[in-house]
Amino acid sequence: MISLGTKNPHEAQALMDEELETHHHELSQVATAVQSMDDALLALGIVTAILGVIHTMGSITEPPEVLGKLIGGTLVGTFLGVSVAYGFAGPLASTIKAIYNAEGK
C-alpha cells in the first residue's frame, strides 16, 4: 500500500492486523469444532447412563442375569462416551488450540 502512494502509512499496519485476525479466526474454527465434539460425547455418555437406568428399572422384575446384562450395557455406554470425550476429543482440542496459538505468535 505504501508503494501505491497511500497518504497514511498506518493503513498497511491496519491491513496486516486485520489479515492476522482473520487468519487466527479461521484456524480457531477447527479447535472449536473438536471441542464441540468433546462436549457432545460427554453428553452422550450421560444420556446413555440415564436411558440405561430407565431401561433397567423397567425390567426390574427380571432375573439377576438379565439385570446384569442391562446394567453392564449401561455402564459400557457411559464409559465409552466419557472416556472418548476425556481421553481423546478433549486433549485433541487442547493440542490443536496450543499449536494454533504457537503459530500465531
PDB file of N, CA and C in Angstrom:
ATOM      1  N   MET A   1       0.822  -1.196   0.000  1.00  0.00           N
ATOM      2  CA  MET A   1       0.000   0.000   0.000  1.00  0.00           C
ATOM      3  C   MET A   1       0.859   1.250   0.000  1.00  0.00           C
ATOM      4  N   ILE A   2       2.010   1.176   0.658  1.00  0.00           N
ATOM      5  CA  ILE A   2       2.899   2.336   0.683  1.00  0.00           C
ATOM      6  C   ILE A   2       3.439   2.589  -0.715  1.00  0.00           C
ATOM      7  N   SER A   3       3.774   1.522  -1.444  1.00  0.00           N
ATOM      8  CA  SER A   3       4.309   1.697  -2.789  1.00  0.00           C
ATOM      9  C   SER A   3       3.247   2.200  -3.765  1.00  0.00           C
ATOM     10  N   LEU A   4       1.982   2.048  -3.432  1.00  0.00           N
ATOM     11  CA  LEU A   4       0.918   2.553  -4.288  1.00  0.00           C
ATOM     12  C   LEU A   4       0.649   4.036  -4.069  1.00  0.00           C
ATOM     13  N   GLY A   5       1.318   4.607  -3.094  1.00  0.00           N
ATOM     14  CA  GLY A   5       1.191   6.044  -2.888  1.00  0.00           C
ATOM     15  C   GLY A   5       0.111   6.438  -1.894  1.00  0.00           C
ATOM     16  N   THR A   6      -0.206   5.593  -0.967  1.00  0.00           N
ATOM     17  CA  THR A   6      -1.202   5.946   0.034  1.00  0.00           C
ATOM     18  C   THR A   6      -0.659   7.051   0.946  1.00  0.00           C
ATOM     19  N   LYS A   7      -1.505   7.893   1.400  1.00  0.00           N
ATOM     20  CA  LYS A   7      -1.089   9.028   2.222  1.00  0.00           C
ATOM     21  C   LYS A   7      -0.839   8.635   3.671  1.00  0.00           C
ATOM     22  N   ASN A   8      -1.489   7.583   4.144  1.00  0.00           N
ATOM     23  CA  ASN A   8      -1.373   7.187   5.544  1.00  0.00           C
ATOM     24  C   ASN A   8      -0.570   5.892   5.651  1.00  0.00           C
ATOM     25  N   PRO A   9       0.658   5.965   6.181  1.00  0.00           N
ATOM     26  CA  PRO A   9       1.477   4.752   6.266  1.00  0.00           C
ATOM     27  C   PRO A   9       0.942   3.735   7.280  1.00  0.00           C
ATOM     28  N   HIS A  10       0.038   4.145   8.156  1.00  0.00           N
ATOM     29  CA  HIS A  10      -0.505   3.224   9.156  1.00  0.00           C
ATOM     30  C   HIS A  10      -1.587   2.307   8.580  1.00  0.00           C
ATOM     31  N   GLU A  11      -2.013   2.576   7.364  1.00  0.00           N
ATOM     32  CA  GLU A  11      -3.007   1.717   6.731  1.00  0.00           C
ATOM     33  C   GLU A  11      -2.444   0.322   6.478  1.00  0.00           C
ATOM     34  N   ALA A  12      -1.158   0.222   6.170  1.00  0.00           N
ATOM     35  CA  ALA A  12      -0.532  -1.078   5.936  1.00  0.00           C
ATOM     36  C   ALA A  12      -0.550  -1.907   7.214  1.00  0.00           C
ATOM     37  N   GLN A  13      -0.260  -1.274   8.330  1.00  0.00           N
ATOM     38  CA  GLN A  13      -0.284  -1.990   9.608  1.00  0.00           C
ATOM     39  C   GLN A  13      -1.707  -2.426   9.948  1.00  0.00           C
ATOM     40  N   ALA A  14      -2.668  -1.577   9.723  1.00  0.00           N
ATOM     41  CA  ALA A  14      -4.061  -1.937   9.999  1.00  0.00           C
ATOM     42  C   ALA A  14      -4.510  -3.097   9.117  1.00  0.00           C
ATOM     43  N   LEU A  15      -4.070  -3.085   7.862  1.00  0.00           N
ATOM     44  CA  LEU A  15      -4.421  -4.166   6.949  1.00  0.00           C
ATOM     45  C   LEU A  15      -3.784  -5.485   7.387  1.00  0.00           C
ATOM     46  N   MET A  16      -2.519  -5.445   7.806  1.00  0.00           N
ATOM     47  CA  MET A  16      -1.848  -6.651   8.285  1.00  0.00           C
ATOM     48  C   MET A  16      -2.502  -7.170   9.558  1.00  0.00           C
ATOM     49  N   ASP A  17      -2.883  -6.277  10.458  1.00  0.00           N
ATOM     50  CA  ASP A  17      -3.562  -6.691  11.687  1.00  0.00           C
ATOM     51  C   ASP A  17      -4.894  -7.370  11.374  1.00  0.00           C
ATOM     52  N   GLU A  18      -5.603  -6.835  10.409  1.00  0.00           N
ATOM     53  CA  GLU A  18      -6.883  -7.425  10.010  1.00  0.00           C
ATOM     54  C   GLU A  18      -6.682  -8.803   9.389  1.00  0.00           C
ATOM     55  N   GLU A  19      -5.651  -8.946   8.569  1.00  0.00           N
ATOM     56  CA  GLU A  19      -5.356 -10.243   7.953  1.00  0.00           C
ATOM     57  C   GLU A  19      -4.977 -11.278   9.014  1.00  0.00           C
ATOM     58  N   LEU A  20      -4.172 -10.868  10.006  1.00  0.00           N
ATOM     59  CA  LEU A  20      -3.802 -11.787  11.083  1.00  0.00           C
ATOM     60  C   LEU A  20      -5.019 -12.216  11.891  1.00  0.00           C
ATOM     61  N   GLU A  21      -5.881 -11.280  12.188  1.00  0.00           N
ATOM     62  CA  GLU A  21      -7.093 -11.595  12.945  1.00  0.00           C
ATOM     63  C   GLU A  21      -7.978 -12.572  12.175  1.00  0.00           C
ATOM     64  N   THR A  22      -8.114 -12.375  10.879  1.00  0.00           N
ATOM     65  CA  THR A  22      -8.899 -13.286  10.045  1.00  0.00           C
ATOM     66  C   THR A  22      -8.272 -14.674  10.025  1.00  0.00           C
ATOM     67  N   HIS A  23      -6.944 -14.715   9.920  1.00  0.00           N
ATOM     68  CA  HIS A  23      -6.229 -15.989   9.909  1.00  0.00           C
ATOM     69  C   HIS A  23      -6.430 -16.736  11.228  1.00  0.00           C
ATOM     70  N   HIS A  24      -6.315 -16.052  12.364  1.00  0.00           N
ATOM     71  CA  HIS A  24      -6.497 -16.678  13.675  1.00  0.00           C
ATOM     72  C   HIS A  24      -7.931 -17.165  13.846  1.00  0.00           C
ATOM     73  N   HIS A  25      -8.877 -16.402  13.352  1.00  0.00           N
ATOM     74  CA  HIS A  25     -10.280 -16.813  13.462  1.00  0.00           C
ATOM     75  C   HIS A  25     -10.543 -18.078  12.649  1.00  0.00           C
ATOM     76  N   GLU A  26      -9.986 -18.152  11.455  1.00  0.00           N
ATOM     77  CA  GLU A  26     -10.174 -19.338  10.615  1.00  0.00           C
ATOM     78  C   GLU A  26      -9.547 -20.570  11.253  1.00  0.00           C
ATOM     79  N   LEU A  27      -8.380 -20.425  11.853  1.00  0.00           N
ATOM     80  CA  LEU A  27      -7.722 -21.562  12.495  1.00  0.00           C
ATOM     81  C   LEU A  27      -8.466 -22.014  13.744  1.00  0.00           C
ATOM     82  N   SER A  28      -9.063 -21.097  14.465  1.00  0.00           N
ATOM     83  CA  SER A  28      -9.745 -21.468  15.703  1.00  0.00           C
ATOM     84  C   SER A  28     -11.027 -22.245  15.443  1.00  0.00           C
ATOM     85  N   GLN A  29     -11.542 -22.214  14.223  1.00  0.00           N
ATOM     86  CA  GLN A  29     -12.778 -22.940  13.925  1.00  0.00           C
ATOM     87  C   GLN A  29     -12.592 -24.447  14.044  1.00  0.00           C
ATOM     88  N   VAL A  30     -11.429 -24.958  13.695  1.00  0.00           N
ATOM     89  CA  VAL A  30     -11.177 -26.399  13.805  1.00  0.00           C
ATOM     90  C   VAL A  30     -11.158 -26.803  15.275  1.00  0.00           C
ATOM     91  N   ALA A  31     -10.446 -26.041  16.096  1.00  0.00           N
ATOM     92  CA  ALA A  31     -10.380 -26.354  17.519  1.00  0.00           C
ATOM     93  C   ALA A  31     -11.757 -26.243  18.165  1.00  0.00           C
ATOM     94  N   THR A  32     -12.547 -25.283  17.751  1.00  0.00           N
ATOM     95  CA  THR A  32     -13.897 -25.128  18.285  1.00  0.00           C
ATOM     96  C   THR A  32     -14.774 -26.316  17.898  1.00  0.00           C
ATOM     97  N   ALA A  33     -14.624 -26.802  16.680  1.00  0.00           N
ATOM     98  CA  ALA A  33     -15.406 -27.961  16.241  1.00  0.00           C
ATOM     99  C   ALA A  33     -15.040 -29.212  17.038  1.00  0.00           C
ATOM    100  N   VAL A  34     -13.758 -29.417  17.294  1.00  0.00           N
ATOM    101  CA  VAL A  34     -13.333 -30.586  18.069  1.00  0.00           C
ATOM    102  C   VAL A  34     -13.803 -30.455  19.514  1.00  0.00           C
ATOM    103  N   GLN A  35     -13.774 -29.237  20.054  1.00  0.00           N
ATOM    104  CA  GLN A  35     -14.265 -29.018  21.420  1.00  0.00           C
ATOM    105  C   GLN A  35     -15.765 -29.285  21.497  1.00  0.00           C
ATOM    106  N   SER A  36     -16.502 -28.925  20.467  1.00  0.00           N
ATOM    107  CA  SER A  36     -17.939 -29.217  20.425  1.00  0.00           C
ATOM    108  C   SER A  36     -18.185 -30.721  20.379  1.00  0.00           C
ATOM    109  N   MET A  37     -17.340 -31.444  19.637  1.00  0.00           N
ATOM    110  CA  MET A  37     -17.451 -32.894  19.592  1.00  0.00           C
ATOM    111  C   MET A  37     -17.179 -33.495  20.973  1.00  0.00           C
ATOM    112  N   ASP A  38     -16.211 -32.939  21.686  1.00  0.00           N
ATOM    113  CA  ASP A  38     -15.897 -33.379  23.040  1.00  0.00           C
ATOM    114  C   ASP A  38     -17.111 -33.195  23.946  1.00  0.00           C
ATOM    115  N   ASP A  39     -17.733 -32.044  23.880  1.00  0.00           N
ATOM    116  CA  ASP A  39     -18.915 -31.778  24.697  1.00  0.00           C
ATOM    117  C   ASP A  39     -20.058 -32.727  24.346  1.00  0.00           C
ATOM    118  N   ALA A  40     -20.241 -33.006  23.058  1.00  0.00           N
ATOM    119  CA  ALA A  40     -21.315 -33.897  22.621  1.00  0.00           C
ATOM    120  C   ALA A  40     -21.072 -35.329  23.091  1.00  0.00           C
ATOM    121  N   LEU A  41     -19.829 -35.783  23.043  1.00  0.00           N
ATOM    122  CA  LEU A  41     -19.529 -37.140  23.502  1.00  0.00           C
ATOM    123  C   LEU A  41     -19.758 -37.293  24.999  1.00  0.00           C
ATOM    124  N   LEU A  42     -19.400 -36.274  25.746  1.00  0.00           N
ATOM    125  CA  LEU A  42     -19.646 -36.308  27.183  1.00  0.00           C
ATOM    126  C   LEU A  42     -21.143 -36.352  27.465  1.00  0.00           C
ATOM    127  N   ALA A  43     -21.906 -35.549  26.759  1.00  0.00           N
ATOM    128  CA  ALA A  43     -23.355 -35.558  26.934  1.00  0.00           C
ATOM    129  C   ALA A  43     -23.942 -36.905  26.520  1.00  0.00           C
ATOM    130  N   LEU A  44     -23.389 -37.512  25.482  1.00  0.00           N
ATOM    131  CA  LEU A  44     -23.867 -38.814  25.042  1.00  0.00           C
ATOM    132  C   LEU A  44     -23.647 -39.874  26.125  1.00  0.00           C
ATOM    133  N   GLY A  45     -22.513 -39.816  26.792  1.00  0.00           N
ATOM    134  CA  GLY A  45     -22.259 -40.746  27.893  1.00  0.00           C
ATOM    135  C   GLY A  45     -23.246 -40.572  29.028  1.00  0.00           C
ATOM    136  N   ILE A  46     -23.585 -39.340  29.334  1.00  0.00           N
ATOM    137  CA  ILE A  46     -24.544 -39.075  30.411  1.00  0.00           C
ATOM    138  C   ILE A  46     -25.947 -39.528  30.006  1.00  0.00           C
ATOM    139  N   VAL A  47     -26.333 -39.256  28.771  1.00  0.00           N
ATOM    140  CA  VAL A  47     -27.648 -39.687  28.280  1.00  0.00           C
ATOM    141  C   VAL A  47     -27.727 -41.211  28.266  1.00  0.00           C
ATOM    142  N   THR A  48     -26.641 -41.868  27.898  1.00  0.00           N
ATOM    143  CA  THR A  48     -26.612 -43.331  27.916  1.00  0.00           C
ATOM    144  C   THR A  48     -26.849 -43.858  29.324  1.00  0.00           C
ATOM    145  N   ALA A  49     -26.247 -43.225  30.309  1.00  0.00           N
ATOM    146  CA  ALA A  49     -26.449 -43.648  31.696  1.00  0.00           C
ATOM    147  C   ALA A  49     -27.906 -43.499  32.108  1.00  0.00           C
ATOM    148  N   ILE A  50     -28.498 -42.374  31.770  1.00  0.00           N
ATOM    149  CA  ILE A  50     -29.887 -42.126  32.155  1.00  0.00           C
ATOM    150  C   ILE A  50     -30.828 -43.104  31.464  1.00  0.00           C
ATOM    151  N   LEU A  51     -30.665 -43.283  30.157  1.00  0.00           N
ATOM    152  CA  LEU A  51     -31.539 -44.210  29.431  1.00  0.00           C
ATOM    153  C   LEU A  51     -31.331 -45.655  29.881  1.00  0.00           C
ATOM    154  N   GLY A  52     -30.099 -46.006  30.202  1.00  0.00           N
ATOM    155  CA  GLY A  52     -29.826 -47.352  30.693  1.00  0.00           C
ATOM    156  C   GLY A  52     -30.486 -47.617  32.038  1.00  0.00           C
ATOM    157  N   VAL A  53     -30.456 -46.644  32.912  1.00  0.00           N
ATOM    158  CA  VAL A  53     -31.113 -46.800  34.214  1.00  0.00           C
ATOM    159  C   VAL A  53     -32.623 -46.918  34.028  1.00  0.00           C
ATOM    160  N   ILE A  54     -33.187 -46.109  33.137  1.00  0.00           N
ATOM    161  CA  ILE A  54     -34.626 -46.180  32.880  1.00  0.00           C
ATOM    162  C   ILE A  54     -34.991 -47.555  32.325  1.00  0.00           C
ATOM    163  N   HIS A  55     -34.204 -48.039  31.378  1.00  0.00           N
ATOM    164  CA  HIS A  55     -34.475 -49.356  30.779  1.00  0.00           C
ATOM    165  C   HIS A  55     -34.330 -50.464  31.829  1.00  0.00           C
ATOM    166  N   THR A  56     -33.307 -50.358  32.662  1.00  0.00           N
ATOM    167  CA  THR A  56     -33.087 -51.369  33.704  1.00  0.00           C
ATOM    168  C   THR A  56     -34.220 -51.346  34.726  1.00  0.00           C
ATOM    169  N   MET A  57     -34.650 -50.181  35.119  1.00  0.00           N
ATOM    170  CA  MET A  57     -35.746 -50.089  36.091  1.00  0.00           C
ATOM    171  C   MET A  57     -37.054 -50.619  35.509  1.00  0.00           C
ATOM    172  N   GLY A  58     -37.216 -50.525  34.204  1.00  0.00           N
ATOM    173  CA  GLY A  58     -38.401 -51.091  33.564  1.00  0.00           C
ATOM    174  C   GLY A  58     -38.379 -52.605  33.548  1.00  0.00           C
ATOM    175  N   SER A  59     -37.212 -53.166  33.728  1.00  0.00           N
ATOM    176  CA  SER A  59     -37.065 -54.626  33.723  1.00  0.00           C
ATOM    177  C   SER A  59     -36.666 -55.140  35.097  1.00  0.00           C
ATOM    178  N   ILE A  60     -37.049 -54.451  36.131  1.00  0.00           N
ATOM    179  CA  ILE A  60     -36.595 -54.778  37.483  1.00  0.00           C
ATOM    180  C   ILE A  60     -37.107 -56.143  37.962  1.00  0.00           C
ATOM    181  N   THR A  61     -38.170 -56.632  37.368  1.00  0.00           N
ATOM    182  CA  THR A  61     -38.719 -57.934  37.782  1.00  0.00           C
ATOM    183  C   THR A  61     -38.006 -59.106  37.122  1.00  0.00           C
ATOM    184  N   GLU A  62     -37.089 -58.835  36.232  1.00  0.00           N
ATOM    185  CA  GLU A  62     -36.348 -59.891  35.539  1.00  0.00           C
ATOM    186  C   GLU A  62     -35.341 -60.545  36.491  1.00  0.00           C
ATOM    187  N   PRO A  63     -34.856 -61.724  36.127  1.00  0.00           N
ATOM    188  CA  PRO A  63     -33.840 -62.386  36.975  1.00  0.00           C
ATOM    189  C   PRO A  63     -32.507 -61.621  36.946  1.00  0.00           C
ATOM    190  N   PRO A  64     -31.637 -61.881  37.918  1.00  0.00           N
ATOM    191  CA  PRO A  64     -30.362 -61.163  38.012  1.00  0.00           C
ATOM    192  C   PRO A  64     -29.488 -61.260  36.766  1.00  0.00           C
ATOM    193  N   GLU A  65     -29.571 -62.350  36.029  1.00  0.00           N
ATOM    194  CA  GLU A  65     -28.757 -62.490  34.824  1.00  0.00           C
ATOM    195  C   GLU A  65     -29.140 -61.444  33.779  1.00  0.00           C
ATOM    196  N   VAL A  66     -30.420 -61.206  33.638  1.00  0.00           N
ATOM    197  CA  VAL A  66     -30.897 -60.216  32.673  1.00  0.00           C
ATOM    198  C   VAL A  66     -30.558 -58.814  33.163  1.00  0.00           C
ATOM    199  N   LEU A  67     -30.771 -58.567  34.449  1.00  0.00           N
ATOM    200  CA  LEU A  67     -30.444 -57.247  35.005  1.00  0.00           C
ATOM    201  C   LEU A  67     -28.953 -56.952  34.896  1.00  0.00           C
ATOM    202  N   GLY A  68     -28.139 -57.982  35.087  1.00  0.00           N
ATOM    203  CA  GLY A  68     -26.690 -57.801  34.967  1.00  0.00           C
ATOM    204  C   GLY A  68     -26.290 -57.361  33.568  1.00  0.00           C
ATOM    205  N   LYS A  69     -26.903 -57.953  32.558  1.00  0.00           N
ATOM    206  CA  LYS A  69     -26.607 -57.556  31.177  1.00  0.00           C
ATOM    207  C   LYS A  69     -27.066 -56.125  30.901  1.00  0.00           C
ATOM    208  N   LEU A  70     -28.230 -55.765  31.423  1.00  0.00           N
ATOM    209  CA  LEU A  70     -28.728 -54.396  31.221  1.00  0.00           C
ATOM    210  C   LEU A  70     -27.841 -53.368  31.913  1.00  0.00           C
ATOM    211  N   ILE A  71     -27.453 -53.670  33.126  1.00  0.00           N
ATOM    212  CA  ILE A  71     -26.579 -52.745  33.872  1.00  0.00           C
ATOM    213  C   ILE A  71     -25.209 -52.668  33.199  1.00  0.00           C
ATOM    214  N   GLY A  72     -24.703 -53.807  32.727  1.00  0.00           N
ATOM    215  CA  GLY A  72     -23.416 -53.816  32.021  1.00  0.00           C
ATOM    216  C   GLY A  72     -23.455 -52.982  30.754  1.00  0.00           C
ATOM    217  N   GLY A  73     -24.552 -53.102  30.000  1.00  0.00           N
ATOM    218  CA  GLY A  73     -24.697 -52.285  28.791  1.00  0.00           C
ATOM    219  C   GLY A  73     -24.737 -50.799  29.105  1.00  0.00           C
ATOM    220  N   THR A  74     -25.408 -50.452  30.187  1.00  0.00           N
ATOM    221  CA  THR A  74     -25.464 -49.056  30.615  1.00  0.00           C
ATOM    222  C   THR A  74     -24.077 -48.534  30.969  1.00  0.00           C
ATOM    223  N   LEU A  75     -23.339 -49.328  31.720  1.00  0.00           N
ATOM    224  CA  LEU A  75     -22.002 -48.890  32.135  1.00  0.00           C
ATOM    225  C   LEU A  75     -21.030 -48.803  30.963  1.00  0.00           C
ATOM    226  N   VAL A  76     -21.145 -49.720  30.013  1.00  0.00           N
ATOM    227  CA  VAL A  76     -20.262 -49.679  28.840  1.00  0.00           C
ATOM    228  C   VAL A  76     -20.538 -48.431  28.012  1.00  0.00           C
ATOM    229  N   GLY A  77     -21.810 -48.129  27.778  1.00  0.00           N
ATOM    230  CA  GLY A  77     -22.154 -46.923  27.014  1.00  0.00           C
ATOM    231  C   GLY A  77     -21.689 -45.652  27.699  1.00  0.00           C
ATOM    232  N   THR A  78     -21.896 -45.606  29.004  1.00  0.00           N
ATOM    233  CA  THR A  78     -21.457 -44.432  29.766  1.00  0.00           C
ATOM    234  C   THR A  78     -19.937 -44.300  29.739  1.00  0.00           C
ATOM    235  N   PHE A  79     -19.251 -45.416  29.985  1.00  0.00           N
ATOM    236  CA  PHE A  79     -17.792 -45.397  29.981  1.00  0.00           C
ATOM    237  C   PHE A  79     -17.244 -44.985  28.622  1.00  0.00           C
ATOM    238  N   LEU A  80     -17.847 -45.506  27.556  1.00  0.00           N
ATOM    239  CA  LEU A  80     -17.369 -45.185  26.212  1.00  0.00           C
ATOM    240  C   LEU A  80     -17.506 -43.690  25.916  1.00  0.00           C
ATOM    241  N   GLY A  81     -18.672 -43.122  26.197  1.00  0.00           N
ATOM    242  CA  GLY A  81     -18.875 -41.699  25.925  1.00  0.00           C
ATOM    243  C   GLY A  81     -17.940 -40.813  26.727  1.00  0.00           C
ATOM    244  N   VAL A  82     -17.831 -41.095  28.023  1.00  0.00           N
ATOM    245  CA  VAL A  82     -16.993 -40.261  28.890  1.00  0.00           C
ATOM    246  C   VAL A  82     -15.509 -40.452  28.585  1.00  0.00           C
ATOM    247  N   SER A  83     -15.088 -41.696  28.370  1.00  0.00           N
ATOM    248  CA  SER A  83     -13.656 -41.925  28.132  1.00  0.00           C
ATOM    249  C   SER A  83     -13.199 -41.363  26.790  1.00  0.00           C
ATOM    250  N   VAL A  84     -14.024 -41.467  25.758  1.00  0.00           N
ATOM    251  CA  VAL A  84     -13.634 -40.886  24.471  1.00  0.00           C
ATOM    252  C   VAL A  84     -13.610 -39.364  24.565  1.00  0.00           C
ATOM    253  N   ALA A  85     -14.550 -38.795  25.320  1.00  0.00           N
ATOM    254  CA  ALA A  85     -14.573 -37.337  25.480  1.00  0.00           C
ATOM    255  C   ALA A  85     -13.332 -36.853  26.226  1.00  0.00           C
ATOM    256  N   TYR A  86     -13.070 -37.454  27.403  1.00  0.00           N
ATOM    257  CA  TYR A  86     -11.940 -37.002  28.216  1.00  0.00           C
ATOM    258  C   TYR A  86     -10.595 -37.556  27.761  1.00  0.00           C
ATOM    259  N   GLY A  87     -10.603 -38.710  27.105  1.00  0.00           N
ATOM    260  CA  GLY A  87      -9.344 -39.338  26.722  1.00  0.00           C
ATOM    261  C   GLY A  87      -8.875 -39.032  25.316  1.00  0.00           C
ATOM    262  N   PHE A  88      -9.783 -38.569  24.463  1.00  0.00           N
ATOM    263  CA  PHE A  88      -9.391 -38.330  23.072  1.00  0.00           C
ATOM    264  C   PHE A  88      -9.769 -36.932  22.589  1.00  0.00           C
ATOM    265  N   ALA A  89     -11.057 -36.631  22.567  1.00  0.00           N
ATOM    266  CA  ALA A  89     -11.511 -35.378  21.952  1.00  0.00           C
ATOM    267  C   ALA A  89     -11.061 -34.148  22.735  1.00  0.00           C
ATOM    268  N   GLY A  90     -11.143 -34.185  24.050  1.00  0.00           N
ATOM    269  CA  GLY A  90     -10.715 -33.038  24.857  1.00  0.00           C
ATOM    270  C   GLY A  90      -9.229 -32.724  24.703  1.00  0.00           C
ATOM    271  N   PRO A  91      -8.349 -33.728  24.897  1.00  0.00           N
ATOM    272  CA  PRO A  91      -6.924 -33.460  24.686  1.00  0.00           C
ATOM    273  C   PRO A  91      -6.589 -33.053  23.253  1.00  0.00           C
ATOM    274  N   LEU A  92      -7.304 -33.607  22.279  1.00  0.00           N
ATOM    275  CA  LEU A  92      -7.070 -33.222  20.886  1.00  0.00           C
ATOM    276  C   LEU A  92      -7.417 -31.747  20.667  1.00  0.00           C
ATOM    277  N   ALA A  93      -8.535 -31.317  21.215  1.00  0.00           N
ATOM    278  CA  ALA A  93      -8.926 -29.907  21.084  1.00  0.00           C
ATOM    279  C   ALA A  93      -7.903 -28.991  21.756  1.00  0.00           C
ATOM    280  N   SER A  94      -7.430 -29.379  22.932  1.00  0.00           N
ATOM    281  CA  SER A  94      -6.422 -28.568  23.630  1.00  0.00           C
ATOM    282  C   SER A  94      -5.116 -28.500  22.851  1.00  0.00           C
ATOM    283  N   THR A  95      -4.715 -29.617  22.266  1.00  0.00           N
ATOM    284  CA  THR A  95      -3.479 -29.642  21.483  1.00  0.00           C
ATOM    285  C   THR A  95      -3.597 -28.772  20.240  1.00  0.00           C
ATOM    286  N   ILE A  96      -4.733 -28.856  19.568  1.00  0.00           N
ATOM    287  CA  ILE A  96      -4.942 -28.026  18.375  1.00  0.00           C
ATOM    288  C   ILE A  96      -4.900 -26.548  18.739  1.00  0.00           C
ATOM    289  N   LYS A  97      -5.543 -26.182  19.838  1.00  0.00           N
ATOM    290  CA  LYS A  97      -5.522 -24.783  20.281  1.00  0.00           C
ATOM    291  C   LYS A  97      -4.101 -24.336  20.595  1.00  0.00           C
ATOM    292  N   ALA A  98      -3.329 -25.195  21.278  1.00  0.00           N
ATOM    293  CA  ALA A  98      -1.952 -24.841  21.626  1.00  0.00           C
ATOM    294  C   ALA A  98      -1.091 -24.669  20.378  1.00  0.00           C
ATOM    295  N   ILE A  99      -1.269 -25.538  19.395  1.00  0.00           N
ATOM    296  CA  ILE A  99      -0.487 -25.438  18.155  1.00  0.00           C
ATOM    297  C   ILE A  99      -0.830 -24.142  17.420  1.00  0.00           C
ATOM    298  N   TYR A 100      -2.115 -23.836  17.316  1.00  0.00           N
ATOM    299  CA  TYR A 100      -2.531 -22.623  16.615  1.00  0.00           C
ATOM    300  C   TYR A 100      -2.064 -21.364  17.350  1.00  0.00           C
ATOM    301  N   ASN A 101      -2.095 -21.396  18.678  1.00  0.00           N
ATOM    302  CA  ASN A 101      -1.609 -20.242  19.440  1.00  0.00           C
ATOM    303  C   ASN A 101      -0.107 -20.041  19.251  1.00  0.00           C
ATOM    304  N   ALA A 102       0.633 -21.163  19.204  1.00  0.00           N
ATOM    305  CA  ALA A 102       2.073 -21.072  18.984  1.00  0.00           C
ATOM    306  C   ALA A 102       2.378 -20.547  17.579  1.00  0.00           C
ATOM    307  N   GLU A 103       1.604 -21.000  16.593  1.00  0.00           N
ATOM    308  CA  GLU A 103       1.796 -20.497  15.234  1.00  0.00           C
ATOM    309  C   GLU A 103       1.453 -19.020  15.139  1.00  0.00           C
ATOM    310  N   GLY A 104       0.437 -18.607  15.891  1.00  0.00           N
ATOM    311  CA  GLY A 104       0.018 -17.207  15.849  1.00  0.00           C
ATOM    312  C   GLY A 104       1.073 -16.259  16.412  1.00  0.00           C
ATOM    313  N   LYS A 105       1.822 -16.740  17.395  1.00  0.00           N
ATOM    314  CA  LYS A 105       2.864 -15.894  17.986  1.00  0.00           C
ATOM    315  C   LYS A 105       4.022 -15.736  17.035  1.00  0.00           C
TER     316      LYS A 105
END
